[in-house]
Amino acid sequence: MPPCTGRTRRRSTRAWRGGIGHATATSMFREVGVTWSSSGGCSNRDNPTCTSFEQLNLATAQGAQTFKRASGCALDVTGGTETGHASGTYSHWNGYKLDFGKNTCVTSYVKNTFTYIGPRGDGAPQYKSGSGNIYADEGNHWDVLYCNCGGC
């Protein structure tokens, strides 16, 4: 089954796929205490060492906000819509995914709250939230696919 099908609610295409700008996303993150960082210290979408939120789906930004509120964990976004991630419909570039830096609190929350659904094709263990979003443990960070508007 494709990753964003099944028990997920979808709204209109416009609301679901509407990309927001970097400034809007960072404002939303700042509002709830989500931080972000990049190895290049930049936000240029066309530079793979940057962390950009240009064209991030609103649902994805809302999902990070919800995760932060629900978990109470320190949350640092280390990957957004910048080039350099795997391609595909439900990709970073298309605004569906964020990378979260790993820490004990985030890892514990994901593993103890969400359902383990098995390894991804590349072997990364995956956990699915009640709202259908998928958290994949890529070793040094969580690769998070937001399928549901505002859910974590």
Foldseek 3Di string as FASTA:
>chain_A
DDQQDDQADDDDPCLFQAFDAQVVLVVLCVVQQAAEQFCVRDADQADPRHAHRGSARQQQSLAVSQLCVVQVDHWYWHHALHPDWDDDDQTRVSRFKIKTFDDPSSVCCQVVQFAFDAADPVRFTWTAHPNRKIWTCPPGITIIGRSYRNHD
